[in-house]
Protein backbone atom coordinates (compact mmCIF):
# COMPACT_ATOMS: atom_id res chain seq x y z
CA MET A 1 -42.40 -3.63 -46.84
CA VAL A 2 -38.73 -4.02 -47.80
CA GLU A 3 -36.62 -1.11 -46.59
CA ARG A 4 -34.71 0.63 -49.36
CA ILE A 5 -31.21 1.82 -48.48
CA GLY A 6 -28.83 4.08 -50.35
CA PHE A 7 -25.26 2.78 -50.59
CA ILE A 8 -22.45 4.99 -51.91
CA GLY A 9 -18.92 3.69 -52.53
CA LEU A 10 -18.32 0.34 -54.22
CA GLY A 11 -14.67 -0.49 -53.74
CA ARG A 12 -13.77 -4.02 -52.65
CA MET A 13 -15.07 -3.35 -49.15
CA GLY A 14 -18.21 -1.55 -50.27
CA GLN A 15 -19.15 -4.18 -52.84
CA ALA A 16 -18.92 -6.97 -50.28
CA MET A 17 -20.89 -5.03 -47.68
CA ALA A 18 -23.60 -4.03 -50.15
CA SER A 19 -23.89 -7.61 -51.38
CA ASN A 20 -24.51 -8.81 -47.83
CA LEU A 21 -27.25 -6.22 -47.39
CA ILE A 22 -28.98 -7.48 -50.53
CA GLY A 23 -28.60 -11.02 -49.18
CA ALA A 24 -30.25 -9.90 -45.94
CA GLY A 25 -33.30 -8.70 -47.85
CA TYR A 26 -32.66 -4.97 -48.19
CA ALA A 27 -33.36 -3.16 -51.46
CA LEU A 28 -30.38 -1.02 -52.44
CA GLN A 29 -30.05 2.13 -54.49
CA ILE A 30 -26.34 2.36 -55.20
CA TYR A 31 -23.92 4.93 -56.54
CA ASN A 32 -20.25 4.75 -57.46
CA ARG A 33 -18.08 7.26 -59.27
CA THR A 34 -17.07 4.40 -61.61
CA PRO A 35 -20.40 2.80 -62.64
CA ASP A 36 -18.76 -0.38 -63.97
CA LYS A 37 -18.07 -1.48 -60.39
CA ALA A 38 -21.81 -1.68 -59.77
CA ALA A 39 -22.50 -4.40 -62.35
CA ALA A 40 -22.40 -7.37 -59.98
CA LEU A 41 -24.71 -5.66 -57.50
CA VAL A 42 -27.15 -4.65 -60.23
CA ALA A 43 -27.24 -8.31 -61.23
CA GLN A 44 -28.24 -9.08 -57.64
CA GLY A 45 -31.13 -6.64 -57.84
CA ALA A 46 -29.67 -3.29 -56.78
CA ARG A 47 -30.66 -0.12 -58.64
CA LEU A 48 -27.85 2.06 -59.96
CA ALA A 49 -28.36 5.78 -59.38
CA PRO A 50 -26.71 8.36 -61.67
CA HIS A 51 -26.04 10.75 -58.79
CA PRO A 52 -25.63 10.45 -54.98
CA SER A 53 -28.81 12.49 -54.51
CA GLN A 54 -30.82 9.77 -56.23
CA THR A 55 -29.80 7.07 -53.75
CA THR A 56 -31.96 8.73 -51.09
CA GLU A 57 -35.55 8.65 -49.99
CA PRO A 58 -37.00 11.24 -47.60
CA GLY A 59 -36.48 9.99 -44.07
CA GLY A 60 -34.47 7.01 -45.31
CA VAL A 61 -31.00 5.59 -44.69
CA VAL A 62 -27.86 6.21 -46.72
CA ILE A 63 -24.59 4.34 -46.13
CA THR A 64 -21.25 5.70 -47.33
CA MET A 65 -18.05 3.67 -47.71
CA LEU A 66 -15.57 5.99 -49.42
CA SER A 67 -11.82 6.42 -49.60
CA ASP A 68 -11.24 9.77 -47.91
CA ASP A 69 -12.61 13.03 -46.49
CA GLN A 70 -12.84 14.76 -49.86
CA ALA A 71 -14.87 11.98 -51.45
CA LEU A 72 -17.32 11.85 -48.55
CA GLU A 73 -17.76 15.61 -48.33
CA SER A 74 -18.42 15.74 -52.08
CA VAL A 75 -21.22 13.15 -52.12
CA ALA A 76 -22.83 14.55 -48.98
CA LEU A 77 -22.59 18.31 -49.50
CA GLY A 78 -21.50 18.86 -53.09
CA LYS A 79 -23.50 19.23 -56.27
CA ASN A 80 -26.03 16.38 -56.45
CA GLY A 81 -25.15 15.45 -52.87
CA PHE A 82 -27.54 13.28 -50.88
CA LEU A 83 -27.95 15.30 -47.68
CA GLU A 84 -30.72 17.70 -48.66
CA GLY A 85 -32.84 14.95 -50.20
CA LEU A 86 -32.49 12.72 -47.14
CA GLY A 87 -34.33 15.29 -45.05
CA PRO A 88 -36.06 15.07 -41.67
CA HIS A 89 -35.68 11.75 -39.82
CA GLY A 90 -33.15 10.49 -42.36
CA ILE A 91 -29.95 8.74 -41.25
CA HIS A 92 -26.49 8.85 -42.75
CA VAL A 93 -24.39 5.85 -41.68
CA SER A 94 -20.78 6.88 -42.32
CA MET A 95 -18.57 3.78 -42.54
CA SER A 96 -15.50 5.38 -44.14
CA THR A 97 -12.17 6.03 -42.42
CA ILE A 98 -12.28 9.81 -42.14
CA SER A 99 -11.00 12.58 -39.90
CA PRO A 100 -12.87 13.24 -36.65
CA ALA A 101 -12.90 16.90 -37.65
CA LEU A 102 -14.90 16.13 -40.80
CA ALA A 103 -17.31 13.96 -38.80
CA ARG A 104 -18.05 16.86 -36.47
CA ARG A 105 -18.51 19.24 -39.39
CA LEU A 106 -20.82 16.84 -41.22
CA ALA A 107 -22.86 16.21 -38.09
CA GLN A 108 -23.48 19.95 -37.80
CA HIS A 109 -24.63 20.15 -41.43
CA HIS A 110 -26.85 17.12 -40.88
CA ARG A 111 -28.58 18.74 -37.93
CA GLU A 112 -29.53 21.69 -40.14
CA TYR A 113 -31.49 19.24 -42.32
CA GLN A 114 -32.78 17.21 -39.31
CA VAL A 115 -30.70 14.24 -40.46
CA SER A 116 -28.87 12.01 -37.96
CA TYR A 117 -25.18 11.26 -38.48
CA VAL A 118 -24.10 7.81 -37.28
CA ALA A 119 -20.39 7.03 -37.38
CA ALA A 120 -19.84 3.33 -38.10
CA PRO A 121 -16.28 2.64 -39.34
CA VAL A 122 -15.20 -0.98 -39.60
CA PHE A 123 -12.25 -3.23 -38.89
CA GLY A 124 -11.65 -6.05 -41.37
CA ARG A 125 -10.23 -6.72 -44.82
CA PRO A 126 -12.36 -7.34 -47.95
CA GLU A 127 -12.50 -11.09 -47.29
CA ALA A 128 -13.87 -10.38 -43.80
CA ALA A 129 -16.43 -8.02 -45.31
CA ALA A 130 -17.55 -10.74 -47.73
CA ALA A 131 -17.92 -13.23 -44.86
CA ARG A 132 -19.86 -10.77 -42.64
CA LYS A 133 -16.98 -10.81 -40.16
CA LEU A 134 -16.43 -7.07 -39.80
CA TRP A 135 -16.11 -5.45 -36.39
CA ILE A 136 -18.09 -2.22 -36.37
CA CYS A 137 -17.60 0.79 -34.09
CA ILE A 138 -20.52 3.21 -33.75
CA SER A 139 -21.27 6.60 -32.23
CA GLY A 140 -24.06 9.09 -32.66
CA HIS A 141 -27.64 9.80 -31.56
CA GLN A 142 -29.07 6.84 -29.66
CA ALA A 143 -32.34 6.51 -31.59
CA ALA A 144 -30.50 6.65 -34.92
CA LYS A 145 -28.05 3.98 -33.77
CA GLN A 146 -30.94 1.74 -32.78
CA ARG A 147 -32.51 2.11 -36.20
CA ALA A 148 -29.17 1.40 -37.91
CA HIS A 149 -28.34 -1.58 -35.69
CA PRO A 150 -30.07 -4.36 -37.71
CA ILE A 151 -28.60 -2.96 -40.92
CA LEU A 152 -25.11 -3.06 -39.44
CA GLN A 153 -25.68 -6.57 -38.09
CA ALA A 154 -26.17 -7.74 -41.67
CA MET A 155 -22.58 -6.69 -42.44
CA GLY A 156 -20.60 -7.63 -39.33
CA GLN A 157 -20.01 -10.00 -36.47
CA GLY A 158 -20.01 -7.45 -33.64
CA ILE A 159 -20.87 -3.83 -32.87
CA PHE A 160 -19.14 -1.67 -30.25
CA ASP A 161 -20.90 1.52 -29.12
CA PHE A 162 -18.77 4.56 -28.18
CA GLY A 163 -21.50 6.97 -27.19
CA GLU A 164 -23.20 9.95 -28.81
CA GLU A 165 -20.25 12.13 -29.91
CA PRO A 166 -20.27 11.89 -33.75
CA SER A 167 -16.48 11.77 -34.04
CA ALA A 168 -15.83 9.16 -31.33
CA ALA A 169 -16.03 6.03 -33.48
CA HIS A 170 -13.74 7.64 -36.06
CA VAL A 171 -11.11 8.28 -33.38
CA VAL A 172 -11.38 4.60 -32.41
CA LYS A 173 -10.92 3.59 -36.03
CA LEU A 174 -7.77 5.69 -36.38
CA ALA A 175 -6.38 4.26 -33.14
CA GLY A 176 -6.98 0.75 -34.46
CA ASN A 177 -5.39 1.46 -37.83
CA PHE A 178 -2.34 2.86 -36.02
CA LEU A 179 -2.06 -0.43 -34.11
CA LEU A 180 -2.35 -2.42 -37.35
CA ALA A 181 0.40 -0.38 -39.02
CA SER A 182 2.54 -0.87 -35.91
CA ALA A 183 2.00 -4.64 -36.13
CA ILE A 184 3.12 -4.65 -39.76
CA GLU A 185 6.34 -2.82 -38.92
CA ALA A 186 7.01 -5.08 -35.91
CA LEU A 187 6.43 -8.23 -37.96
CA ALA A 188 8.65 -7.00 -40.78
CA GLU A 189 11.52 -6.25 -38.43
CA ALA A 190 11.15 -9.51 -36.48
CA LEU A 191 10.97 -11.74 -39.58
CA THR A 192 13.86 -9.93 -41.22
CA LEU A 193 15.95 -10.33 -38.07
CA GLY A 194 15.25 -14.03 -38.21
CA GLU A 195 16.16 -14.32 -41.87
CA LYS A 196 19.41 -12.43 -41.35
CA ASN A 197 20.32 -15.14 -38.86
CA GLY A 198 19.39 -18.09 -41.06
CA ILE A 199 15.85 -18.70 -39.77
CA ASP A 200 13.06 -19.41 -42.25
CA ARG A 201 10.61 -16.48 -42.36
CA THR A 202 7.50 -18.60 -42.84
CA THR A 203 8.36 -20.88 -39.92
CA LEU A 204 8.95 -17.88 -37.69
CA ALA A 205 5.67 -16.24 -38.73
CA ASP A 206 3.83 -19.51 -38.11
CA LEU A 207 5.22 -19.73 -34.57
CA PHE A 208 4.26 -16.19 -33.61
CA SER A 209 0.79 -16.32 -35.18
CA LYS A 210 -0.07 -19.51 -33.26
CA THR A 211 1.46 -18.63 -29.88
CA LEU A 212 2.42 -15.16 -28.65
CA PHE A 213 0.26 -13.28 -31.17
CA ALA A 214 -2.56 -15.65 -32.11
CA CYS A 215 -4.81 -12.97 -33.61
CA PRO A 216 -5.95 -12.09 -37.14
CA PRO A 217 -3.58 -9.16 -37.81
CA TYR A 218 -0.47 -11.17 -36.97
CA GLN A 219 -1.82 -14.23 -38.76
CA VAL A 220 -2.82 -12.44 -41.97
CA TYR A 221 0.01 -9.92 -42.19
CA GLY A 222 2.57 -12.39 -40.87
CA GLU A 223 1.90 -14.78 -43.74
CA MET A 224 1.84 -11.97 -46.31
CA ILE A 225 5.17 -10.58 -45.14
CA ALA A 226 6.79 -13.99 -44.74
CA ARG A 227 5.80 -14.98 -48.29
CA ASN A 228 6.14 -11.47 -49.78
CA ARG A 229 2.63 -11.53 -51.23
CA TYR A 230 1.14 -8.06 -51.51
CA ARG A 231 -1.49 -8.48 -54.21
CA PRO A 232 -4.41 -8.16 -54.32
CA PRO A 233 -4.35 -5.37 -51.73
CA GLY A 234 -6.81 -5.16 -48.88
CA LEU A 235 -5.78 -1.65 -47.86
CA THR A 236 -3.19 -0.12 -50.18
CA VAL A 237 -0.04 1.61 -48.98
CA SER A 238 -1.46 4.89 -50.30
CA LEU A 239 -4.62 4.57 -48.22
CA GLY A 240 -2.55 3.46 -45.25
CA LEU A 241 -0.56 6.69 -45.51
CA LYS A 242 -3.82 8.65 -45.67
CA ASP A 243 -4.89 7.00 -42.41
CA LEU A 244 -1.57 7.76 -40.72
CA ASN A 245 -1.87 11.38 -41.79
CA LEU A 246 -5.27 11.45 -40.08
CA VAL A 247 -3.79 9.84 -36.97
CA LEU A 248 -1.08 12.49 -36.76
CA GLN A 249 -3.52 15.33 -37.46
CA THR A 250 -5.82 14.11 -34.71
CA ALA A 251 -2.88 13.68 -32.35
CA ALA A 252 -1.71 17.21 -33.06
CA THR A 253 -5.11 18.72 -32.30
CA SER A 254 -5.21 16.62 -29.11
CA THR A 255 -1.69 17.72 -28.03
CA MET A 256 -0.73 14.04 -28.12
CA PRO A 257 2.84 13.09 -29.11
CA MET A 258 2.93 9.88 -31.19
CA PRO A 259 6.57 9.21 -32.13
CA LEU A 260 5.84 5.70 -33.41
CA ALA A 261 3.12 7.05 -35.69
CA SER A 262 5.67 9.51 -37.11
CA LEU A 263 8.07 6.66 -37.84
CA LEU A 264 5.32 4.67 -39.54
CA HIS A 265 4.31 7.70 -41.59
CA ASP A 266 7.83 7.96 -42.98
CA ARG A 267 7.96 4.23 -43.71
CA PHE A 268 4.70 4.42 -45.68
CA LEU A 269 5.77 7.60 -47.48
CA THR A 270 9.08 6.02 -48.49
CA THR A 271 7.25 2.96 -49.81
CA ILE A 272 5.07 5.16 -52.01
CA ALA A 273 8.11 7.11 -53.22
CA LYS A 274 9.52 3.79 -54.45
CA GLY A 275 6.44 3.19 -56.61
CA ARG A 276 4.65 0.69 -54.36
CA GLY A 277 1.62 2.71 -53.37
CA ASP A 278 -0.84 0.31 -55.01
CA LEU A 279 0.43 -2.75 -53.11
CA ASP A 280 -1.11 -3.96 -49.86
CA SER A 281 -0.05 -1.88 -46.86
CA ALA A 282 1.96 -4.86 -45.62
CA ALA A 283 4.37 -4.08 -48.48
CA VAL A 284 6.04 -1.48 -46.28
CA ALA A 285 7.93 -4.57 -45.10
CA LEU A 286 9.91 -4.34 -48.33
CA GLY A 287 11.66 -1.29 -46.92
CA VAL A 288 12.80 -3.31 -43.91
CA ALA A 289 14.18 -5.99 -46.23
CA GLU A 290 15.98 -3.34 -48.28
CA ASP A 291 17.52 -1.79 -45.19
CA ALA A 292 18.83 -5.23 -44.26
CA GLY A 293 20.25 -5.91 -47.74
CA LEU A 294 17.81 -8.74 -48.47
CA LEU A 295 15.53 -7.34 -51.15
CA THR A 296 17.34 -8.55 -54.27
CA ARG A 297 17.73 -12.03 -52.83
CA SER A 298 14.36 -12.80 -51.28
CA VAL A 299 11.72 -10.26 -52.20
CA ARG A 300 11.95 -8.82 -55.68
CA PRO A 301 10.72 -11.89 -57.66
CA SER A 302 7.45 -12.05 -55.70
CA ILE A 303 6.36 -8.40 -55.60
CA SER A 304 4.22 -8.73 -58.72
CA GLN A 305 2.55 -12.01 -57.79
């Protein structure tokens, strides 16, 4: 019998992940606040539910891939939320980037309904999601993780287990997003330093991405920043700021100073204040170019491409 899974949240990441689940043979009941985004998945055989509660089956599995804490809390606990209908032996696989505090609170609510909460946030841009190249971090009850494992394998290239604490994988996700934002800032400053001294930005990015920093973040973001290409966005500046806010909130509750995270927060906030919140998060590099007096010469014509 084909297992039917609920899937809630159909942004660029969610659509790609859900499509791979259909390709792996799972039957999906999907929900998105904007139903139009479900059309391609419905064409692949998914069923569109009018409410989050109708994506569930008693004792089944529901996956969420949503933008923030508020959106997740609403579909889980709000009116027409899925949690009560999921019921005993059900599993909620939470793949969103959310606060560890919300994860702990949700896990407590889940226990009241005998539902297991499995944290499973991912690293990877939409193109990685489409290619089943996501890296997935998990934490939660061991038996629930084992049941979720083959489902997660259909969406990613590797799974890293961080134990049974519901919030652990979400802390890992925030730590990783902090490193990615740091890489963007470092690349922007390095490439701008080169350009200020007559060195071609693309040649410099090519060198670093093939030698000292031969890894996907430096390769992908290096090319984007060197060529000033920030559309279509993988993660927008606005969502990047949301993640940095979560990093700083978590650091504060952990009594953990993070001065670099504070600097990055201000860079992202300034970028949004300049009307660039819908560009890819790498577009914070525009602020570095502006500070160096290069924006009008090398960046402005390509922002809208």
